[in-house]
Protein backbone atom coordinates (compact mmCIF):
# COMPACT_ATOMS: atom_id res chain seq x y z
CA UNK A 1 27.52 -27.67 30.69
CA UNK A 2 23.88 -28.11 29.57
CA UNK A 3 21.81 -25.88 27.36
CA UNK A 4 20.25 -22.87 29.02
CA UNK A 5 16.52 -22.48 29.50
CA UNK A 6 14.68 -19.80 27.49
CA UNK A 7 11.63 -17.91 28.71
CA UNK A 8 9.27 -15.25 27.37
CA UNK A 9 9.45 -11.95 29.34
CA UNK A 10 7.76 -9.51 26.96
CA UNK A 11 5.01 -9.51 24.27
CA UNK A 12 4.06 -6.98 21.58
CA UNK A 13 1.48 -7.17 18.78
CA UNK A 14 0.29 -4.86 16.04
CA UNK A 15 -2.27 -6.72 13.96
CA UNK A 16 -5.43 -6.48 11.90
CA UNK A 17 -7.48 -7.30 15.02
CA UNK A 18 -5.64 -5.27 17.62
CA UNK A 19 -2.88 -2.62 17.97
CA UNK A 20 -1.56 -3.99 21.27
CA UNK A 21 -1.20 -7.49 22.70
CA UNK A 22 -4.19 -7.03 25.01
CA UNK A 23 -6.43 -5.71 22.25
CA UNK A 24 -5.31 -8.50 19.94
CA UNK A 25 -6.07 -11.20 22.53
CA UNK A 26 -9.43 -9.78 23.46
CA UNK A 27 -10.52 -9.60 19.84
CA UNK A 28 -9.45 -13.12 18.86
CA UNK A 29 -11.23 -14.51 21.91
CA UNK A 30 -14.32 -12.58 20.71
CA UNK A 31 -13.96 -14.12 17.27
CA UNK A 32 -13.42 -10.76 15.49
CA UNK A 33 -12.73 -10.84 11.81
CA UNK A 34 -10.08 -8.40 10.63
CA UNK A 35 -11.08 -8.64 6.98
CA UNK A 36 -12.34 -5.48 5.23
CA UNK A 37 -12.20 -3.80 1.81
CA UNK A 38 -8.68 -2.76 0.84
CA UNK A 39 -7.86 0.88 1.55
CA UNK A 40 -4.15 0.93 0.89
CA UNK A 41 -4.52 1.01 -2.92
CA UNK A 42 -7.29 0.97 -5.50
CA UNK A 43 -8.26 -2.70 -5.81
CA UNK A 44 -11.30 -2.12 -8.04
CA UNK A 45 -9.93 -4.22 -10.90
CA UNK A 46 -8.37 -7.00 -8.81
CA UNK A 47 -9.93 -10.44 -8.34
CA UNK A 48 -9.56 -9.94 -4.60
CA UNK A 49 -10.64 -6.56 -3.23
CA UNK A 50 -10.34 -7.18 0.54
CA UNK A 51 -7.58 -7.96 3.05
CA UNK A 52 -6.75 -7.90 6.72
CA UNK A 53 -5.11 -4.48 7.11
CA UNK A 54 -4.08 -2.98 10.46
CA UNK A 55 -6.74 -0.51 11.61
CA UNK A 56 -6.54 3.13 12.83
CA UNK A 57 -2.89 3.47 11.87
CA UNK A 58 -1.30 6.88 11.24
CA UNK A 59 2.53 6.58 11.00
CA UNK A 60 3.01 10.09 12.41
CA UNK A 61 1.32 9.00 15.64
CA UNK A 62 4.35 6.78 16.18
CA UNK A 63 7.26 8.36 14.32
CA UNK A 64 8.32 11.88 13.37
CA UNK A 65 7.85 12.85 9.73
CA UNK A 66 11.51 12.40 8.83
CA UNK A 67 11.51 8.87 10.20
CA UNK A 68 8.37 7.94 8.25
CA UNK A 69 10.04 8.92 5.00
CA UNK A 70 13.00 6.65 5.76
CA UNK A 71 11.08 3.50 6.68
CA UNK A 72 8.81 1.17 4.71
CA UNK A 73 5.50 0.26 6.35
CA UNK A 74 6.89 -3.23 7.10
CA UNK A 75 9.61 -1.68 9.28
CA UNK A 76 7.21 0.72 10.92
CA UNK A 77 4.83 -2.01 12.06
CA UNK A 78 7.75 -4.06 13.31
CA UNK A 79 9.23 -1.28 15.42
CA UNK A 80 5.82 -0.59 17.00
CA UNK A 81 5.41 -4.23 18.06
CA UNK A 82 8.99 -4.33 19.35
CA UNK A 83 8.42 -1.16 21.39
CA UNK A 84 5.47 -2.72 23.16
CA UNK A 85 7.43 -5.92 23.89
CA UNK A 86 10.52 -4.07 25.14
CA UNK A 87 8.39 -1.86 27.41
CA UNK A 88 6.44 -4.89 28.59
CA UNK A 89 9.66 -6.66 29.55
CA UNK A 90 11.47 -3.73 31.22
CA UNK A 91 14.76 -4.52 29.49
CA UNK A 92 15.56 -1.03 28.29
CA UNK A 93 17.52 0.20 31.25
CA UNK A 94 21.11 0.75 32.26
CA UNK A 95 21.31 -2.45 34.29
CA UNK A 96 21.16 -4.56 31.11
CA UNK A 97 24.34 -5.47 29.27
CA UNK A 98 23.27 -4.33 25.79
CA UNK A 99 26.23 -6.11 24.19
CA UNK A 100 24.32 -9.32 25.04
CA UNK A 101 20.89 -8.22 23.78
CA UNK A 102 20.19 -9.09 20.16
CA UNK A 103 17.42 -8.66 17.60
CA UNK A 104 16.37 -11.41 15.20
CA UNK A 105 13.50 -10.57 12.90
CA UNK A 106 11.56 -12.43 10.20
CA UNK A 107 9.95 -11.14 7.07
CA UNK A 108 8.96 -13.10 4.03
CA UNK A 109 9.13 -10.12 1.64
CA UNK A 110 10.32 -6.96 3.42
CA UNK A 111 9.74 -3.51 1.89
CA UNK A 112 7.45 -4.54 -0.98
CA UNK A 113 5.64 -1.18 -1.23
CA UNK A 114 8.90 0.72 -1.40
CA UNK A 115 10.19 -1.56 -4.19
CA UNK A 116 6.89 -1.27 -6.06
CA UNK A 117 6.81 2.52 -5.87
CA UNK A 118 10.43 3.12 -6.88
CA UNK A 119 10.36 0.78 -9.82
CA UNK A 120 7.01 2.07 -11.00
CA UNK A 121 8.21 5.67 -10.77
CA UNK A 122 11.24 4.82 -12.88
CA UNK A 123 9.22 2.84 -15.44
CA UNK A 124 6.67 5.63 -15.89
CA UNK A 125 9.30 8.42 -16.00
CA UNK A 126 11.51 9.60 -18.83
CA UNK A 127 14.13 6.92 -18.33
CA UNK A 128 16.35 9.03 -16.11
CA UNK A 129 17.21 7.03 -12.98
CA UNK A 130 16.07 9.19 -10.06
CA UNK A 131 15.75 6.71 -7.22
CA UNK A 132 15.12 7.75 -3.64
CA UNK A 133 18.38 7.55 -1.68
CA UNK A 134 16.48 5.56 0.95
CA UNK A 135 15.20 3.03 -1.60
CA UNK A 136 17.59 0.23 -0.72
CA UNK A 137 17.69 0.64 3.09
CA UNK A 138 13.87 0.96 3.14
CA UNK A 139 13.40 -2.18 1.05
CA UNK A 140 15.79 -4.78 2.46
CA UNK A 141 14.36 -7.35 4.84
CA UNK A 142 17.06 -7.00 7.47
CA UNK A 143 16.53 -3.25 8.01
CA UNK A 144 13.82 -3.80 10.70
CA UNK A 145 16.12 -5.56 13.21
CA UNK A 146 18.76 -3.00 12.35
CA UNK A 147 16.37 -0.15 13.20
CA UNK A 148 15.25 -1.82 16.43
CA UNK A 149 18.81 -2.24 17.57
CA UNK A 150 19.66 1.39 16.73
CA UNK A 151 16.66 2.65 18.69
CA UNK A 152 17.66 0.79 21.89
CA UNK A 153 21.41 0.35 21.54
CA UNK A 154 21.13 -3.47 21.53
CA UNK A 155 24.54 -4.59 20.24
CA UNK A 156 24.12 -8.40 20.33
CA UNK A 157 23.37 -10.76 17.40
CA UNK A 158 21.36 -8.93 14.78
CA UNK A 159 19.95 -10.33 11.52
CA UNK A 160 16.83 -11.28 9.53
CA UNK A 161 15.35 -14.70 8.81
CA UNK A 162 13.60 -15.26 5.48
CA UNK A 163 11.66 -18.48 4.90
CA UNK A 164 8.42 -17.15 3.43
CA UNK A 165 5.54 -17.64 5.86
CA UNK A 166 7.75 -19.51 8.35
CA UNK A 167 10.14 -16.52 8.71
CA UNK A 168 9.21 -15.21 12.18
CA UNK A 169 8.99 -18.73 13.63
CA UNK A 170 12.50 -19.26 12.30
CA UNK A 171 13.47 -16.04 14.12
CA UNK A 172 12.11 -17.44 17.42
CA UNK A 173 13.98 -20.73 16.92
CA UNK A 174 17.26 -19.01 16.04
CA UNK A 175 16.88 -16.69 19.03
CA UNK A 176 16.26 -19.61 21.37
CA UNK A 177 19.33 -21.51 20.10
CA UNK A 178 21.61 -18.47 20.57
CA UNK A 179 20.41 -18.05 24.12
CA UNK A 180 20.64 -21.78 24.83
CA UNK A 181 24.29 -21.69 23.71
CA UNK A 182 25.10 -18.70 25.88
CA UNK A 183 25.67 -16.31 22.93
CA UNK A 184 23.14 -13.78 24.26
CA UNK A 185 21.11 -13.08 27.39
CA UNK A 186 18.11 -11.61 25.61
CA UNK A 187 16.84 -11.61 22.05
CA UNK A 188 14.13 -9.32 20.71
CA UNK A 189 12.51 -11.79 18.27
CA UNK A 190 9.58 -11.44 15.92
CA UNK A 191 8.49 -10.51 12.46
CA UNK A 192 6.58 -8.03 10.37
CA UNK A 193 4.99 -7.88 6.90
CA UNK A 194 3.21 -5.23 4.87
CA UNK A 195 2.37 -6.87 1.55
CA UNK A 196 -1.16 -5.53 1.04
CA UNK A 197 -0.05 -3.76 -2.13
CA UNK A 198 -0.95 -3.98 -5.81
CA UNK A 199 1.90 -6.37 -6.54
CA UNK A 200 1.26 -8.41 -3.37
CA UNK A 201 -2.43 -8.94 -4.04
CA UNK A 202 -1.93 -9.24 -7.78
CA UNK A 203 0.86 -11.75 -7.37
CA UNK A 204 -1.04 -14.03 -5.01
CA UNK A 205 -4.14 -13.68 -7.23
CA UNK A 206 -2.12 -14.97 -10.18
CA UNK A 207 -1.28 -18.06 -8.08
CA UNK A 208 -4.99 -18.56 -7.28
CA UNK A 209 -3.94 -18.45 -3.62
CA UNK A 210 -6.29 -15.77 -2.32
CA UNK A 211 -10.02 -15.98 -1.54
CA UNK A 212 -12.13 -14.03 -4.01
CA UNK A 213 -15.21 -13.88 -1.80
CA UNK A 214 -15.64 -10.13 -2.32
CA UNK A 215 -19.33 -10.23 -1.47
CA UNK A 216 -18.71 -11.90 1.90
CA UNK A 217 -15.22 -10.77 2.94
CA UNK A 218 -15.82 -11.05 6.70
CA UNK A 219 -16.18 -14.86 6.40
CA UNK A 220 -13.71 -15.34 3.56
CA UNK A 221 -11.00 -16.84 5.75
CA UNK A 222 -12.57 -20.17 6.65
CA UNK A 223 -9.89 -22.78 7.54
CA UNK A 224 -11.02 -26.41 7.35
CA UNK A 225 -14.38 -25.47 5.86
CA UNK A 226 -15.43 -27.42 2.81
CA UNK A 227 -16.06 -24.25 0.80
CA UNK A 228 -12.78 -22.48 1.58
CA UNK A 229 -11.32 -20.86 -1.54
CA UNK A 230 -7.95 -19.48 -0.48
CA UNK A 231 -6.36 -17.32 2.20
CA UNK A 232 -6.98 -13.69 3.11
CA UNK A 233 -3.83 -11.53 2.92
CA UNK A 234 -2.97 -9.78 6.15
CA UNK A 235 -0.33 -7.37 7.45
CA UNK A 236 1.09 -6.63 10.85
CA UNK A 237 3.79 -7.52 13.34
CA UNK A 238 4.51 -9.42 16.55
CA UNK A 239 7.38 -9.56 18.97
CA UNK A 240 8.49 -11.73 21.87
CA UNK A 241 11.29 -10.96 24.31
CA UNK A 242 13.14 -14.21 24.77
CA UNK A 243 15.48 -14.36 27.75
CA UNK A 244 17.79 -16.77 29.48
CA UNK A 245 15.96 -18.14 32.51
CA UNK A 246 18.52 -17.29 35.22
CA UNK A 247 19.05 -13.86 33.77
CA UNK A 248 15.26 -13.20 33.93
CA UNK A 249 15.09 -14.47 37.52
CA UNK A 250 18.03 -12.35 38.59
CA UNK A 251 16.51 -9.13 37.30
CA UNK A 252 13.06 -9.96 38.70
CA UNK A 253 11.32 -10.23 35.29
CA UNK A 254 7.80 -11.49 34.87
CA UNK A 255 7.87 -14.80 32.99
CA UNK A 256 4.89 -15.48 30.72
CA UNK A 257 5.88 -18.86 29.32
CA UNK A 258 8.86 -21.07 28.51
CA UNK A 259 9.92 -21.83 24.94
CA UNK A 260 10.85 -25.51 25.31
CA UNK A 261 11.02 -26.80 21.78
CA UNK A 262 11.64 -25.83 18.17
CA UNK A 263 11.77 -27.80 14.93
CA UNK A 264 12.57 -27.22 11.26
CA UNK A 265 11.97 -29.33 8.18
CA UNK A 266 11.49 -29.16 4.43
CA UNK A 267 8.78 -30.72 2.29
CA UNK A 268 11.21 -31.21 -0.61
CA UNK A 269 8.15 -31.52 -2.81
CA UNK A 270 6.86 -28.36 -4.61
CA UNK A 271 7.42 -24.60 -4.75
CA UNK A 272 4.01 -23.64 -3.43
CA UNK A 273 1.97 -26.80 -2.63
CA UNK A 274 2.39 -28.77 0.59
CA UNK A 275 3.35 -32.45 0.56
CA UNK A 276 -0.03 -34.17 0.08
CA UNK A 277 0.61 -36.60 2.92
CA UNK A 278 1.73 -33.82 5.23
CA UNK A 279 5.21 -35.31 5.51
CA UNK A 280 7.04 -32.07 6.22
CA UNK A 281 4.44 -31.02 8.77
CA UNK A 282 4.69 -34.44 10.46
CA UNK A 283 8.51 -34.26 10.58
CA UNK A 284 8.64 -30.72 12.00
CA UNK A 285 6.15 -31.39 14.78
CA UNK A 286 7.91 -34.61 15.64
CA UNK A 287 11.27 -32.84 15.78
CA UNK A 288 9.81 -30.15 18.02
CA UNK A 289 8.40 -32.64 20.51
CA UNK A 290 11.69 -34.57 20.57
CA UNK A 291 13.62 -31.35 21.14
CA UNK A 292 11.42 -30.60 24.14
CA UNK A 293 11.39 -34.14 25.48
CA UNK A 294 7.57 -34.12 25.27
CA UNK A 295 5.35 -36.98 24.18
CA UNK A 296 2.33 -36.47 21.89
CA UNK A 297 -0.16 -37.11 24.71
CA UNK A 298 1.22 -34.11 26.65
CA UNK A 299 0.24 -31.45 24.08
CA UNK A 300 -2.95 -29.55 24.98
CA UNK A 301 -3.32 -27.09 22.12
CA UNK A 302 -2.13 -26.60 18.52
CA UNK A 303 -2.35 -23.33 16.63
CA UNK A 304 -2.28 -24.77 13.09
CA UNK A 305 -0.87 -23.08 10.07
CA UNK A 306 -4.47 -23.40 8.83
CA UNK A 307 -4.45 -20.88 5.97
CA UNK A 308 -7.85 -21.73 4.44
CA UNK A 309 -6.34 -23.19 1.30
CA UNK A 310 -7.86 -26.36 -0.19
CA UNK A 311 -4.67 -28.45 -0.02
CA UNK A 312 -2.89 -27.07 2.99
CA UNK A 313 -5.60 -27.64 5.60
CA UNK A 314 -6.02 -31.26 4.57
CA UNK A 315 -2.31 -32.09 4.61
CA UNK A 316 -1.67 -30.47 8.00
CA UNK A 317 -4.74 -32.15 9.57
CA UNK A 318 -3.50 -35.52 8.27
CA UNK A 319 -0.04 -34.93 9.74
CA UNK A 320 -1.55 -34.23 13.18
CA UNK A 321 -3.60 -37.45 13.14
CA UNK A 322 -0.58 -39.45 11.91
CA UNK A 323 1.76 -38.07 14.62
CA UNK A 324 -0.51 -37.77 17.62
CA UNK A 325 -2.68 -40.80 17.01
CA UNK A 326 -5.62 -41.09 19.40
CA UNK A 327 -4.16 -38.17 21.45
CA UNK A 328 -5.02 -35.88 18.51
CA UNK A 329 -8.68 -36.00 19.46
CA UNK A 330 -7.98 -34.63 22.94
CA UNK A 331 -6.06 -31.60 21.62
CA UNK A 332 -7.77 -28.21 21.22
CA UNK A 333 -6.84 -27.14 17.69
CA UNK A 334 -7.42 -23.76 16.10
CA UNK A 335 -6.42 -21.36 13.31
CA UNK A 336 -6.24 -17.69 14.27
CA UNK A 337 -5.79 -16.92 10.58
CA UNK A 338 -9.57 -17.17 10.38
CA UNK A 339 -9.50 -13.77 12.14
CA UNK A 340 -6.13 -12.15 11.35
CA UNK A 341 -5.81 -13.37 7.79
CA UNK A 342 -2.38 -14.62 6.71
CA UNK A 343 0.38 -12.26 7.84
CA UNK A 344 2.96 -14.11 5.72
CA UNK A 345 6.37 -13.68 7.40
CA UNK A 346 4.80 -12.23 10.56
CA UNK A 347 2.26 -15.10 10.92
CA UNK A 348 4.45 -17.35 13.05
CA UNK A 349 5.17 -14.95 15.87
CA UNK A 350 1.62 -13.60 15.97
CA UNK A 351 0.32 -17.17 16.29
CA UNK A 352 2.95 -17.97 18.88
CA UNK A 353 1.56 -15.00 20.87
CA UNK A 354 -1.91 -16.51 20.57
CA UNK A 355 -0.55 -19.81 21.84
CA UNK A 356 1.01 -18.04 24.85
CA UNK A 357 -2.29 -16.31 25.45
CA UNK A 358 -4.03 -19.75 25.56
CA UNK A 359 -1.57 -20.79 28.26
CA UNK A 360 -1.91 -17.58 30.26
CA UNK A 361 -5.70 -17.42 30.14
CA UNK A 362 -6.62 -21.15 30.01
CA UNK A 363 -8.69 -20.44 26.94
CA UNK A 364 -8.17 -21.40 23.31
CA UNK A 365 -9.25 -18.88 20.63
CA UNK A 366 -11.83 -20.04 18.08
CA UNK A 367 -11.52 -20.90 14.41
CA UNK A 368 -14.27 -18.67 13.06
CA UNK A 369 -16.27 -18.88 9.78
CA UNK A 370 -16.98 -22.59 9.87
CA UNK A 371 -20.15 -23.61 8.03
CA UNK A 372 -19.65 -26.95 6.31
CA UNK A 373 -17.49 -29.90 7.35
CA UNK A 374 -14.91 -31.13 4.84
CA UNK A 375 -15.19 -34.91 4.34
CA UNK A 376 -11.46 -34.99 3.64
CA UNK A 377 -10.62 -33.84 7.17
CA UNK A 378 -10.92 -36.16 10.18
CA UNK A 379 -14.24 -35.18 11.85
CA UNK A 380 -12.99 -36.27 15.28
CA UNK A 381 -10.45 -33.43 15.45
CA UNK A 382 -11.63 -30.48 17.57
CA UNK A 383 -10.93 -27.29 15.64
CA UNK A 384 -12.56 -25.01 18.22
CA UNK A 385 -15.09 -23.90 15.63
CA UNK A 386 -16.73 -20.52 16.06
CA UNK A 387 -16.45 -20.17 19.87
CA UNK A 388 -13.44 -20.19 22.24
CA UNK A 389 -13.02 -23.09 24.66
CA UNK A 390 -11.89 -23.04 28.27
CA UNK A 391 -8.97 -25.39 28.76
CA UNK A 392 -6.01 -25.70 31.09
CA UNK A 393 -3.14 -25.47 28.61
CA UNK A 394 0.33 -26.61 29.80
CA UNK A 395 1.87 -27.27 26.37
CA UNK A 396 0.91 -25.28 23.27
CA UNK A 397 2.29 -26.02 19.80
CA UNK A 398 2.34 -23.49 16.91
CA UNK A 399 2.93 -24.42 13.26
CA UNK A 400 4.03 -22.24 10.33
CA UNK A 401 4.81 -23.40 6.77
CA UNK A 402 6.10 -21.38 3.85
CA UNK A 403 6.40 -21.44 0.07
CA UNK A 404 9.44 -23.48 -0.89
CA UNK A 405 8.42 -26.18 1.55
CA UNK A 406 9.80 -24.45 4.65
CA UNK A 407 8.32 -25.75 7.92
CA UNK A 408 8.92 -24.34 11.39
CA UNK A 409 7.29 -25.24 14.71
CA UNK A 410 7.61 -24.04 18.32
CA UNK A 411 6.37 -25.42 21.62
CA UNK A 412 5.59 -23.32 24.67
CA UNK A 413 5.12 -24.52 28.25
CA UNK A 414 3.23 -22.96 31.11
CA UNK A 415 5.62 -21.42 33.65
């Protein structure tokens, strides 16, 4: 018996450039920057004083006050994205066997704000340990899928994936494999992150990973630009409903794309720096194409990891040229991080959503904030600089790479 096909039947997004999938898509097509001065804490004395926060968010518009106290911001954002995707897909009804609906969720860090607050309160107190009883369940990374399953009664496979910035792409790949093997009919898969906190910004500043362009924050995220100086930290969530093809057809679901390939690899090189020759990126893209039975010349679009870091953009670009050869110059390439910032563990699923959007709308979002070409990056690659491009997209690839050398890649096909 062969592996089952896996399709996308629901989409949800809660991001720095849109609080629904439609709003997110419209804004990235318009080239909207989500970067703004930090409001979530006083960043006056930090090297970086801006980030891509979600906008117009009041938790009590989405949860009652008691729920808000029990959930870290990371979980809140995740549940909101999952709600949109579940509603979009129409799976929350009595005709679904909820024993075969799972939730797999990625987060690189989890409840960072909760951890920060509780430990700070203890350290500045009188030494008496008075921790919030919700401290641990608010903080742990797996609590988001747990909460989503509780809300809907989904009793299938339920766990979290943690591979730094590759986390939510890992969740998509795991979800696909479980459905392929017949272990579930539907998986609610995605990721969330809420690391725009003092320790999040301070920690990445100490690594010299963040842009410090405080006087020009709107253009600070500039992937592939010669003058890029680091990534812009973002927060948010995304969710896809992945479903077994025959199950989706039987219930009359709308199918938005097919997830036809997934790949995983490790750089085995450095804790935070990519392999300089892009070896891990090359291997993961190659594995994804082989998994899908697709040749390099068939790929129409690539949403690159493209963080706007000096080393990462060069290594990933080199890997694309090495793998795709002359076909690389016919591919529409972009980095939506130029608009959303880097959502860490949620980046993969949000960029997968952008890739699906390119398929659905025959339009590739731009890489904004490009001013100066980098002589270390092949000038024949088309990075969709500054304006979107109309293109019939049948196959769209999405890359995500994480600290520790974790690489994950997914390939979507037009349905």
